[in-house]
Amino acid sequence: MIDYYRDFFEEHQWLENGLSWTVVQPLNEEIMLDDLLRRLNGGCDPEQRTMEYPREGAMGEDGPVLLVSEEEGTWGFLELAYGFGLSDRVLTELSTESRVWMVTWHFNGGYTILYAADGKIRARMRDFIFSEHVVEEGDPGVLADFRAMLDSLEPDDYRGKRGAAFAFIEAATGMGLEREWPDVEDAPVVILDNPDA
């Protein structure tokens, strides 16, 4: 699976500069997409519209632009432009009666993978791309398989390490990224206007 994502990032190299991928698995069947979108946007309904070219259009927006994907009751949110992850407050709100995984990085670095559940952040690993600078918080068992993936890669295999984060989340949730999805046209997007998102 790491090789799939290594190829994915080879094809979509622009995502290596910044992205945020959040996967939410509601544990309560009554939690619908609209509820998750309000949680993402600080309790307010976010703007929803169709963008002709979401990748280019996202750069002109003031707030994060998300592509939304759903697979068997699991929701994925791909931030298209800047790669700044969701705040801890939003992540804990999202994780109420849900499991939440997030991987994010941006032009300044910030390589982070995180797991939240039951309204709490349970595990976080920062700077996972640089093995000598990794910082871990929370339950080390949660990210043990991810750590093993990283250990199997060469220290300078940065694309492989990015791919490992996505492979790990896909293995944990069943939710992956389709190869053509980041370049989709005429797609519905969600635009967050909450500065704390």
N, C-alpha and C. Protein backbone atom coordinates (compact mmCIF):
# COMPACT_ATOMS: atom_id res chain seq x y z
N MET A 1 0.82 -1.19 0.00
CA MET A 1 0.00 0.00 0.00
C MET A 1 0.87 1.27 0.00
N ILE A 2 2.03 1.20 0.63
CA ILE A 2 2.94 2.36 0.61
C ILE A 2 3.32 2.69 -0.82
N ASP A 3 3.57 1.65 -1.64
CA ASP A 3 3.94 1.90 -3.03
C ASP A 3 2.83 2.59 -3.80
N TYR A 4 1.57 2.23 -3.51
CA TYR A 4 0.44 2.91 -4.16
C TYR A 4 0.52 4.41 -3.88
N TYR A 5 0.72 4.77 -2.62
CA TYR A 5 0.76 6.19 -2.27
C TYR A 5 2.06 6.86 -2.71
N ARG A 6 3.13 6.10 -2.79
CA ARG A 6 4.37 6.67 -3.35
C ARG A 6 4.10 7.09 -4.80
N ASP A 7 3.42 6.22 -5.57
CA ASP A 7 3.04 6.56 -6.95
C ASP A 7 2.03 7.72 -6.98
N PHE A 8 1.11 7.71 -6.03
CA PHE A 8 0.11 8.79 -5.92
C PHE A 8 0.80 10.14 -5.78
N PHE A 9 1.80 10.24 -4.89
CA PHE A 9 2.50 11.50 -4.70
C PHE A 9 3.44 11.83 -5.86
N GLU A 10 3.91 10.82 -6.56
CA GLU A 10 4.68 11.08 -7.78
C GLU A 10 3.78 11.75 -8.82
N GLU A 11 2.54 11.28 -8.91
CA GLU A 11 1.59 11.84 -9.87
C GLU A 11 1.06 13.21 -9.43
N HIS A 12 0.92 13.42 -8.14
CA HIS A 12 0.36 14.67 -7.60
C HIS A 12 1.41 15.34 -6.71
N GLN A 13 2.54 15.70 -7.30
CA GLN A 13 3.65 16.24 -6.52
C GLN A 13 3.29 17.52 -5.78
N TRP A 14 2.34 18.29 -6.29
CA TRP A 14 1.94 19.53 -5.63
C TRP A 14 1.41 19.27 -4.22
N LEU A 15 0.87 18.07 -3.96
CA LEU A 15 0.37 17.75 -2.62
C LEU A 15 1.50 17.56 -1.61
N GLU A 16 2.72 17.35 -2.10
CA GLU A 16 3.84 17.19 -1.17
C GLU A 16 4.21 18.51 -0.51
N ASN A 17 3.70 19.63 -1.05
CA ASN A 17 3.97 20.94 -0.46
C ASN A 17 3.00 21.29 0.66
N GLY A 18 1.83 20.69 0.65
CA GLY A 18 0.86 20.98 1.69
C GLY A 18 -0.43 20.23 1.48
N LEU A 19 -0.88 19.56 2.51
CA LEU A 19 -2.18 18.90 2.47
C LEU A 19 -2.60 18.54 3.88
N SER A 20 -3.88 18.36 4.03
CA SER A 20 -4.44 17.85 5.28
C SER A 20 -5.53 16.85 4.90
N TRP A 21 -5.43 15.64 5.42
CA TRP A 21 -6.38 14.56 5.15
C TRP A 21 -6.92 14.09 6.48
N THR A 22 -8.23 14.24 6.66
CA THR A 22 -8.89 13.87 7.90
C THR A 22 -9.95 12.82 7.59
N VAL A 23 -9.93 11.73 8.33
CA VAL A 23 -10.91 10.65 8.15
C VAL A 23 -11.69 10.51 9.45
N VAL A 24 -13.01 10.53 9.32
CA VAL A 24 -13.90 10.44 10.48
C VAL A 24 -14.79 9.21 10.34
N GLN A 25 -14.77 8.36 11.36
CA GLN A 25 -15.64 7.18 11.42
C GLN A 25 -16.64 7.37 12.56
N PRO A 26 -17.86 7.86 12.26
CA PRO A 26 -18.85 8.00 13.33
C PRO A 26 -19.22 6.64 13.91
N LEU A 27 -19.33 6.58 15.23
CA LEU A 27 -19.74 5.37 15.92
C LEU A 27 -21.25 5.36 16.16
N ASN A 28 -21.89 6.49 15.90
CA ASN A 28 -23.32 6.65 16.08
C ASN A 28 -23.94 6.88 14.69
N GLU A 29 -24.85 6.01 14.28
CA GLU A 29 -25.45 6.10 12.95
C GLU A 29 -26.23 7.40 12.75
N GLU A 30 -26.57 8.09 13.82
CA GLU A 30 -27.32 9.34 13.70
C GLU A 30 -26.44 10.52 13.33
N ILE A 31 -25.12 10.36 13.37
CA ILE A 31 -24.22 11.44 12.97
C ILE A 31 -24.15 11.46 11.44
N MET A 32 -24.64 12.54 10.87
CA MET A 32 -24.68 12.67 9.41
C MET A 32 -23.61 13.67 8.96
N LEU A 33 -23.42 13.75 7.65
CA LEU A 33 -22.42 14.64 7.08
C LEU A 33 -22.64 16.09 7.52
N ASP A 34 -23.87 16.57 7.51
CA ASP A 34 -24.13 17.96 7.90
C ASP A 34 -23.64 18.24 9.32
N ASP A 35 -23.81 17.27 10.22
CA ASP A 35 -23.34 17.43 11.59
C ASP A 35 -21.82 17.52 11.62
N LEU A 36 -21.14 16.65 10.86
CA LEU A 36 -19.68 16.70 10.81
C LEU A 36 -19.19 18.02 10.23
N LEU A 37 -19.88 18.52 9.21
CA LEU A 37 -19.47 19.79 8.59
C LEU A 37 -19.63 20.95 9.57
N ARG A 38 -20.69 20.95 10.37
CA ARG A 38 -20.85 21.99 11.39
C ARG A 38 -19.73 21.89 12.42
N ARG A 39 -19.38 20.67 12.82
CA ARG A 39 -18.28 20.50 13.78
C ARG A 39 -16.97 21.01 13.19
N LEU A 40 -16.75 20.72 11.92
CA LEU A 40 -15.54 21.20 11.25
C LEU A 40 -15.48 22.72 11.21
N ASN A 41 -16.65 23.34 11.14
CA ASN A 41 -16.73 24.79 10.97
C ASN A 41 -17.13 25.50 12.27
N GLY A 42 -16.78 24.93 13.41
CA GLY A 42 -17.00 25.59 14.67
C GLY A 42 -18.45 25.77 15.06
N GLY A 43 -19.34 24.88 14.62
CA GLY A 43 -20.74 24.94 14.99
C GLY A 43 -21.63 25.65 13.98
N CYS A 44 -21.04 26.23 12.96
CA CYS A 44 -21.82 26.93 11.92
C CYS A 44 -21.82 26.10 10.64
N ASP A 45 -22.89 26.27 9.85
CA ASP A 45 -22.93 25.59 8.55
C ASP A 45 -21.91 26.24 7.62
N PRO A 46 -21.00 25.45 7.05
CA PRO A 46 -20.03 26.03 6.12
C PRO A 46 -20.66 26.24 4.74
N GLU A 47 -19.98 27.04 3.94
CA GLU A 47 -20.42 27.25 2.57
C GLU A 47 -20.15 25.99 1.76
N GLN A 48 -21.14 25.60 0.96
CA GLN A 48 -20.98 24.46 0.05
C GLN A 48 -21.27 24.94 -1.36
N ARG A 49 -20.38 24.61 -2.28
CA ARG A 49 -20.60 24.97 -3.68
C ARG A 49 -19.82 24.03 -4.58
N THR A 50 -20.06 24.15 -5.86
CA THR A 50 -19.33 23.37 -6.85
C THR A 50 -18.25 24.25 -7.45
N MET A 51 -17.03 23.73 -7.50
CA MET A 51 -15.91 24.45 -8.12
C MET A 51 -15.54 23.76 -9.41
N GLU A 52 -15.37 24.57 -10.44
CA GLU A 52 -14.98 24.02 -11.74
C GLU A 52 -13.63 23.32 -11.65
N TYR A 53 -12.66 24.01 -11.06
CA TYR A 53 -11.32 23.44 -10.87
C TYR A 53 -10.93 23.62 -9.41
N PRO A 54 -11.33 22.68 -8.55
CA PRO A 54 -11.10 22.87 -7.11
C PRO A 54 -9.65 23.12 -6.71
N ARG A 55 -8.73 22.44 -7.36
CA ARG A 55 -7.32 22.60 -6.98
C ARG A 55 -6.87 24.04 -7.15
N GLU A 56 -7.22 24.65 -8.28
CA GLU A 56 -6.83 26.04 -8.52
C GLU A 56 -7.72 26.99 -7.72
N GLY A 57 -9.00 26.71 -7.64
CA GLY A 57 -9.93 27.59 -6.94
C GLY A 57 -9.65 27.69 -5.46
N ALA A 58 -9.14 26.63 -4.87
CA ALA A 58 -8.87 26.63 -3.43
C ALA A 58 -7.85 27.69 -3.05
N MET A 59 -6.91 27.96 -3.95
CA MET A 59 -5.86 28.93 -3.64
C MET A 59 -6.40 30.35 -3.50
N GLY A 60 -7.56 30.63 -4.10
CA GLY A 60 -8.12 31.98 -4.05
C GLY A 60 -9.09 32.20 -2.91
N GLU A 61 -9.30 31.22 -2.07
CA GLU A 61 -10.26 31.33 -0.97
C GLU A 61 -9.57 31.74 0.32
N ASP A 62 -10.32 32.40 1.18
CA ASP A 62 -9.78 32.84 2.48
C ASP A 62 -9.71 31.71 3.50
N GLY A 63 -10.63 30.74 3.40
CA GLY A 63 -10.65 29.63 4.34
C GLY A 63 -10.28 28.33 3.68
N PRO A 64 -10.10 27.27 4.47
CA PRO A 64 -9.79 25.96 3.91
C PRO A 64 -10.90 25.46 2.99
N VAL A 65 -10.49 24.86 1.87
CA VAL A 65 -11.43 24.26 0.91
C VAL A 65 -11.26 22.75 1.00
N LEU A 66 -12.36 22.05 1.24
CA LEU A 66 -12.31 20.61 1.44
C LEU A 66 -13.05 19.87 0.34
N LEU A 67 -12.41 18.84 -0.20
CA LEU A 67 -13.12 17.83 -0.98
C LEU A 67 -13.61 16.80 0.03
N VAL A 68 -14.82 16.33 -0.14
CA VAL A 68 -15.43 15.40 0.81
C VAL A 68 -15.68 14.08 0.11
N SER A 69 -15.29 12.99 0.76
CA SER A 69 -15.50 11.65 0.22
C SER A 69 -16.17 10.80 1.28
N GLU A 70 -17.02 9.87 0.85
CA GLU A 70 -17.71 8.99 1.78
C GLU A 70 -17.59 7.56 1.30
N GLU A 71 -17.32 6.67 2.25
CA GLU A 71 -17.21 5.26 1.93
C GLU A 71 -17.71 4.45 3.12
N GLU A 72 -18.85 3.83 2.95
CA GLU A 72 -19.44 2.95 3.97
C GLU A 72 -19.49 3.60 5.35
N GLY A 73 -20.05 4.80 5.42
CA GLY A 73 -20.22 5.47 6.71
C GLY A 73 -18.98 6.12 7.26
N THR A 74 -17.91 6.16 6.50
CA THR A 74 -16.67 6.83 6.88
C THR A 74 -16.49 8.03 5.96
N TRP A 75 -16.09 9.15 6.54
CA TRP A 75 -15.97 10.39 5.77
C TRP A 75 -14.51 10.83 5.71
N GLY A 76 -14.08 11.26 4.53
CA GLY A 76 -12.74 11.79 4.34
C GLY A 76 -12.82 13.22 3.88
N PHE A 77 -11.94 14.07 4.42
CA PHE A 77 -11.90 15.49 4.10
C PHE A 77 -10.48 15.85 3.68
N LEU A 78 -10.31 16.21 2.41
CA LEU A 78 -9.00 16.58 1.87
C LEU A 78 -8.96 18.08 1.69
N GLU A 79 -8.05 18.74 2.42
CA GLU A 79 -7.86 20.18 2.28
C GLU A 79 -6.89 20.41 1.14
N LEU A 80 -7.29 21.25 0.20
CA LEU A 80 -6.62 21.34 -1.09
C LEU A 80 -5.45 22.32 -1.18
N ALA A 81 -5.39 23.32 -0.33
CA ALA A 81 -4.48 24.41 -0.65
C ALA A 81 -3.26 24.52 0.25
N TYR A 82 -3.45 24.53 1.55
CA TYR A 82 -2.35 24.98 2.41
C TYR A 82 -1.78 23.92 3.34
N GLY A 83 -2.52 22.89 3.65
CA GLY A 83 -2.00 21.81 4.47
C GLY A 83 -1.98 22.06 5.96
N PHE A 84 -2.65 23.10 6.42
CA PHE A 84 -2.71 23.33 7.85
C PHE A 84 -3.83 22.48 8.42
N GLY A 85 -3.49 21.64 9.36
CA GLY A 85 -4.47 20.72 9.93
C GLY A 85 -5.50 21.42 10.79
N LEU A 86 -6.49 20.66 11.16
CA LEU A 86 -7.54 21.16 12.02
C LEU A 86 -7.00 21.40 13.42
N SER A 87 -7.60 22.35 14.13
CA SER A 87 -7.17 22.65 15.49
C SER A 87 -7.53 21.49 16.41
N ASP A 88 -6.84 21.41 17.54
CA ASP A 88 -7.15 20.38 18.53
C ASP A 88 -8.61 20.49 18.98
N ARG A 89 -9.11 21.71 19.13
CA ARG A 89 -10.50 21.90 19.55
C ARG A 89 -11.47 21.28 18.55
N VAL A 90 -11.24 21.52 17.27
CA VAL A 90 -12.12 20.96 16.23
C VAL A 90 -11.97 19.44 16.19
N LEU A 91 -10.76 18.95 16.31
CA LEU A 91 -10.55 17.50 16.28
C LEU A 91 -11.23 16.79 17.44
N THR A 92 -11.17 17.37 18.62
CA THR A 92 -11.84 16.74 19.75
C THR A 92 -13.36 16.80 19.57
N GLU A 93 -13.86 17.88 19.01
CA GLU A 93 -15.30 17.97 18.73
C GLU A 93 -15.71 16.93 17.69
N LEU A 94 -14.92 16.79 16.64
CA LEU A 94 -15.20 15.78 15.62
C LEU A 94 -15.19 14.38 16.19
N SER A 95 -14.33 14.15 17.18
CA SER A 95 -14.16 12.79 17.70
C SER A 95 -15.21 12.39 18.74
N THR A 96 -16.13 13.29 19.05
CA THR A 96 -17.22 12.93 19.95
C THR A 96 -18.08 11.88 19.26
N GLU A 97 -18.16 10.70 19.83
CA GLU A 97 -18.87 9.56 19.25
C GLU A 97 -18.31 9.16 17.87
N SER A 98 -17.03 9.40 17.67
CA SER A 98 -16.37 9.06 16.41
C SER A 98 -14.90 8.73 16.66
N ARG A 99 -14.29 8.14 15.64
CA ARG A 99 -12.84 7.98 15.58
C ARG A 99 -12.35 8.92 14.49
N VAL A 100 -11.27 9.61 14.75
CA VAL A 100 -10.75 10.60 13.80
C VAL A 100 -9.25 10.36 13.60
N TRP A 101 -8.85 10.29 12.33
CA TRP A 101 -7.44 10.22 11.96
C TRP A 101 -7.13 11.44 11.11
N MET A 102 -5.97 12.04 11.32
CA MET A 102 -5.56 13.17 10.50
C MET A 102 -4.07 13.07 10.21
N VAL A 103 -3.71 13.36 8.96
CA VAL A 103 -2.31 13.54 8.60
C VAL A 103 -2.23 14.89 7.89
N THR A 104 -1.19 15.63 8.21
CA THR A 104 -1.08 16.96 7.64
C THR A 104 0.40 17.37 7.53
N TRP A 105 0.66 18.21 6.55
CA TRP A 105 1.96 18.89 6.44
C TRP A 105 1.75 20.12 5.59
N HIS A 106 2.68 21.04 5.64
CA HIS A 106 2.57 22.28 4.89
C HIS A 106 3.97 22.75 4.51
N PHE A 107 4.03 23.91 3.83
CA PHE A 107 5.30 24.37 3.27
C PHE A 107 6.37 24.59 4.35
N ASN A 108 5.98 24.77 5.60
CA ASN A 108 6.95 24.92 6.69
C ASN A 108 7.27 23.61 7.39
N GLY A 109 6.74 22.52 6.89
CA GLY A 109 6.98 21.22 7.52
C GLY A 109 5.72 20.74 8.21
N GLY A 110 5.78 20.62 9.53
CA GLY A 110 4.61 20.26 10.31
C GLY A 110 4.08 18.86 10.06
N TYR A 111 4.92 17.93 9.69
CA TYR A 111 4.49 16.57 9.37
C TYR A 111 3.90 15.90 10.62
N THR A 112 2.58 15.78 10.65
CA THR A 112 1.89 15.29 11.84
C THR A 112 0.86 14.24 11.46
N ILE A 113 0.80 13.19 12.27
CA ILE A 113 -0.28 12.21 12.18
C ILE A 113 -0.90 12.14 13.56
N LEU A 114 -2.22 11.99 13.60
CA LEU A 114 -2.93 12.12 14.86
C LEU A 114 -4.15 11.20 14.88
N TYR A 115 -4.49 10.72 16.07
CA TYR A 115 -5.69 9.93 16.27
C TYR A 115 -6.45 10.50 17.47
N ALA A 116 -7.77 10.70 17.29
CA ALA A 116 -8.63 11.18 18.37
C ALA A 116 -9.87 10.29 18.44
N ALA A 117 -10.38 10.12 19.66
CA ALA A 117 -11.60 9.34 19.87
C ALA A 117 -12.23 9.76 21.19
N ASP A 118 -13.54 9.63 21.27
CA ASP A 118 -14.28 9.93 22.50
C ASP A 118 -14.00 11.34 23.02
N GLY A 119 -13.85 12.28 22.10
CA GLY A 119 -13.64 13.67 22.51
C GLY A 119 -12.26 14.00 23.03
N LYS A 120 -11.26 13.12 22.74
CA LYS A 120 -9.89 13.36 23.21
C LYS A 120 -8.89 12.98 22.13
N ILE A 121 -7.80 13.70 22.08
CA ILE A 121 -6.69 13.31 21.22
C ILE A 121 -5.93 12.21 21.95
N ARG A 122 -5.86 11.03 21.33
CA ARG A 122 -5.28 9.85 21.98
C ARG A 122 -3.81 9.65 21.64
N ALA A 123 -3.41 10.05 20.44
CA ALA A 123 -2.00 9.86 20.02
C ALA A 123 -1.67 10.86 18.93
N ARG A 124 -0.43 11.34 18.95
CA ARG A 124 0.04 12.28 17.93
C ARG A 124 1.53 12.04 17.74
N MET A 125 1.95 12.08 16.47
CA MET A 125 3.37 12.01 16.14
C MET A 125 3.68 13.20 15.24
N ARG A 126 4.65 13.99 15.67
CA ARG A 126 5.06 15.17 14.90
C ARG A 126 6.41 14.90 14.25
N ASP A 127 6.61 15.58 13.12
CA ASP A 127 7.87 15.49 12.38
C ASP A 127 8.22 14.05 12.02
N PHE A 128 7.20 13.26 11.66
CA PHE A 128 7.42 11.84 11.38
C PHE A 128 8.31 11.61 10.17
N ILE A 129 8.49 12.61 9.34
CA ILE A 129 9.29 12.42 8.14
C ILE A 129 10.80 12.43 8.44
N PHE A 130 11.16 13.02 9.59
CA PHE A 130 12.57 13.09 9.99
C PHE A 130 12.77 12.21 11.22
N SER A 131 13.28 11.01 11.03
CA SER A 131 13.33 10.03 12.12
C SER A 131 14.08 10.54 13.35
N GLU A 132 15.07 11.41 13.16
CA GLU A 132 15.83 11.89 14.32
C GLU A 132 15.09 12.98 15.10
N HIS A 133 13.98 13.51 14.54
CA HIS A 133 13.26 14.60 15.20
C HIS A 133 11.84 14.23 15.61
N VAL A 134 11.46 12.97 15.51
CA VAL A 134 10.09 12.55 15.81
C VAL A 134 9.75 12.87 17.27
N VAL A 135 8.55 13.44 17.44
CA VAL A 135 8.03 13.72 18.78
C VAL A 135 6.67 13.01 18.89
N GLU A 136 6.52 12.17 19.91
CA GLU A 136 5.27 11.44 20.10
C GLU A 136 4.60 11.85 21.39
N GLU A 137 3.27 11.88 21.34
CA GLU A 137 2.46 12.19 22.51
C GLU A 137 1.34 11.16 22.59
N GLY A 138 0.88 10.89 23.80
CA GLY A 138 -0.27 10.00 23.97
C GLY A 138 0.13 8.54 24.02
N ASP A 139 -0.83 7.67 23.71
CA ASP A 139 -0.66 6.22 23.77
C ASP A 139 0.25 5.74 22.63
N PRO A 140 1.46 5.25 22.93
CA PRO A 140 2.37 4.83 21.87
C PRO A 140 1.87 3.61 21.09
N GLY A 141 0.99 2.82 21.70
CA GLY A 141 0.47 1.64 21.02
C GLY A 141 -0.40 1.98 19.82
N VAL A 142 -1.05 3.14 19.84
CA VAL A 142 -1.94 3.54 18.75
C VAL A 142 -1.19 3.66 17.43
N LEU A 143 0.03 4.20 17.49
CA LEU A 143 0.81 4.44 16.27
C LEU A 143 1.94 3.43 16.08
N ALA A 144 1.89 2.32 16.79
CA ALA A 144 2.97 1.33 16.70
C ALA A 144 3.14 0.79 15.28
N ASP A 145 2.05 0.48 14.59
CA ASP A 145 2.16 -0.04 13.22
C ASP A 145 2.70 1.03 12.27
N PHE A 146 2.35 2.28 12.50
CA PHE A 146 2.89 3.35 11.67
C PHE A 146 4.39 3.48 11.90
N ARG A 147 4.80 3.42 13.16
CA ARG A 147 6.22 3.50 13.49
C ARG A 147 6.98 2.37 12.79
N ALA A 148 6.39 1.16 12.76
CA ALA A 148 7.03 0.03 12.08
C ALA A 148 7.14 0.30 10.58
N MET A 149 6.13 0.91 10.00
CA MET A 149 6.21 1.27 8.57
C MET A 149 7.36 2.23 8.33
N LEU A 150 7.46 3.26 9.17
CA LEU A 150 8.55 4.23 9.02
C LEU A 150 9.91 3.57 9.15
N ASP A 151 10.03 2.66 10.12
CA ASP A 151 11.31 1.98 10.35
C ASP A 151 11.72 1.10 9.16
N SER A 152 10.76 0.68 8.36
CA SER A 152 11.06 -0.17 7.21
C SER A 152 11.56 0.63 6.00
N LEU A 153 11.51 1.95 6.09
CA LEU A 153 11.89 2.82 4.97
C LEU A 153 13.27 3.44 5.21
N GLU A 154 13.92 3.80 4.12
CA GLU A 154 15.20 4.49 4.22
C GLU A 154 14.98 5.87 4.85
N PRO A 155 15.96 6.38 5.60
CA PRO A 155 15.78 7.67 6.28
C PRO A 155 15.43 8.83 5.34
N ASP A 156 15.93 8.80 4.11
CA ASP A 156 15.64 9.90 3.18
C ASP A 156 14.53 9.58 2.18
N ASP A 157 13.74 8.56 2.45
CA ASP A 157 12.61 8.21 1.59
C ASP A 157 11.38 9.02 2.03
N TYR A 158 11.42 10.32 1.78
CA TYR A 158 10.37 11.21 2.25
C TYR A 158 9.03 10.91 1.58
N ARG A 159 9.06 10.63 0.30
CA ARG A 159 7.81 10.29 -0.39
C ARG A 159 7.22 9.00 0.18
N GLY A 160 8.07 8.05 0.48
CA GLY A 160 7.60 6.81 1.09
C GLY A 160 7.00 7.04 2.47
N LYS A 161 7.59 7.95 3.24
CA LYS A 161 7.07 8.25 4.57
C LYS A 161 5.72 8.95 4.48
N ARG A 162 5.57 9.86 3.51
CA ARG A 162 4.25 10.46 3.30
C ARG A 162 3.24 9.38 2.92
N GLY A 163 3.67 8.50 2.03
CA GLY A 163 2.80 7.41 1.61
C GLY A 163 2.45 6.47 2.75
N ALA A 164 3.39 6.25 3.66
CA ALA A 164 3.14 5.38 4.81
C ALA A 164 2.04 5.94 5.69
N ALA A 165 1.99 7.26 5.85
CA ALA A 165 0.94 7.87 6.67
C ALA A 165 -0.44 7.58 6.07
N PHE A 166 -0.55 7.70 4.76
CA PHE A 166 -1.83 7.42 4.11
C PHE A 166 -2.14 5.93 4.13
N ALA A 167 -1.14 5.10 3.93
CA ALA A 167 -1.35 3.65 3.98
C ALA A 167 -1.80 3.22 5.37
N PHE A 168 -1.21 3.81 6.40
CA PHE A 168 -1.58 3.47 7.76
C PHE A 168 -3.03 3.85 8.05
N ILE A 169 -3.43 5.05 7.64
CA ILE A 169 -4.81 5.50 7.87
C ILE A 169 -5.78 4.64 7.07
N GLU A 170 -5.42 4.30 5.85
CA GLU A 170 -6.30 3.44 5.06
C GLU A 170 -6.44 2.06 5.71
N ALA A 171 -5.35 1.51 6.21
CA ALA A 171 -5.42 0.21 6.88
C ALA A 171 -6.30 0.27 8.13
N ALA A 172 -6.26 1.40 8.84
CA ALA A 172 -7.02 1.55 10.08
C ALA A 172 -8.50 1.82 9.83
N THR A 173 -8.83 2.46 8.69
CA THR A 173 -10.20 2.93 8.47
C THR A 173 -10.89 2.33 7.26
N GLY A 174 -10.12 1.80 6.32
CA GLY A 174 -10.70 1.34 5.06
C GLY A 174 -10.91 2.46 4.06
N MET A 175 -10.56 3.68 4.43
CA MET A 175 -10.77 4.85 3.57
C MET A 175 -9.45 5.28 2.94
N GLY A 176 -9.40 5.26 1.61
CA GLY A 176 -8.20 5.66 0.91
C GLY A 176 -8.48 6.78 -0.06
N LEU A 177 -7.46 7.23 -0.74
CA LEU A 177 -7.58 8.27 -1.76
C LEU A 177 -7.50 7.63 -3.13
N GLU A 178 -8.49 7.91 -3.95
CA GLU A 178 -8.46 7.46 -5.34
C GLU A 178 -7.43 8.29 -6.11
N ARG A 179 -6.74 7.66 -7.02
CA ARG A 179 -5.64 8.30 -7.73
C ARG A 179 -6.04 9.60 -8.43
N GLU A 180 -7.24 9.65 -9.03
CA GLU A 180 -7.64 10.82 -9.82
C GLU A 180 -8.35 11.89 -8.98
N TRP A 181 -8.67 11.59 -7.74
CA TRP A 181 -9.52 12.48 -6.96
C TRP A 181 -8.98 13.90 -6.78
N PRO A 182 -7.72 14.13 -6.48
CA PRO A 182 -7.26 15.51 -6.28
C PRO A 182 -7.40 16.41 -7.51
N ASP A 183 -7.50 15.83 -8.70
CA ASP A 183 -7.61 16.62 -9.93
C ASP A 183 -9.04 16.66 -10.47
N VAL A 184 -10.01 16.28 -9.64
CA VAL A 184 -11.40 16.25 -10.08
C VAL A 184 -11.85 17.65 -10.50
N GLU A 185 -12.75 17.71 -11.49
CA GLU A 185 -13.30 18.98 -11.96
C GLU A 185 -14.79 19.00 -11.68
N ASP A 186 -15.34 20.23 -11.61
CA ASP A 186 -16.77 20.41 -11.35
C ASP A 186 -17.19 19.60 -10.13
N ALA A 187 -16.50 19.79 -9.03
CA ALA A 187 -16.72 18.99 -7.83
C ALA A 187 -17.34 19.83 -6.72
N PRO A 188 -18.20 19.20 -5.92
CA PRO A 188 -18.69 19.91 -4.74
C PRO A 188 -17.59 20.05 -3.71
N VAL A 189 -17.48 21.23 -3.12
CA VAL A 189 -16.48 21.49 -2.09
C VAL A 189 -17.17 22.15 -0.90
N VAL A 190 -16.49 22.11 0.21
CA VAL A 190 -16.93 22.77 1.43
C VAL A 190 -15.85 23.81 1.77
N ILE A 191 -16.28 25.03 2.04
CA ILE A 191 -15.35 26.10 2.37
C ILE A 191 -15.57 26.50 3.82
N LEU A 192 -14.58 26.28 4.66
CA LEU A 192 -14.69 26.61 6.07
C LEU A 192 -14.41 28.10 6.27
N ASP A 193 -15.21 28.75 7.10
CA ASP A 193 -14.99 30.16 7.37
C ASP A 193 -14.69 30.42 8.83
N ASN A 194 -14.49 29.34 9.60
CA ASN A 194 -14.16 29.49 11.01
C ASN A 194 -12.64 29.61 11.14
N PRO A 195 -12.12 30.73 11.61
CA PRO A 195 -10.66 30.90 11.68
C PRO A 195 -9.99 29.92 12.63
N ASP A 196 -10.76 29.31 13.54
CA ASP A 196 -10.19 28.37 14.51
C ASP A 196 -10.19 26.94 13.96
N ALA A 197 -10.72 26.74 12.76
CA ALA A 197 -10.80 25.38 12.20
C ALA A 197 -9.39 24.85 12.06
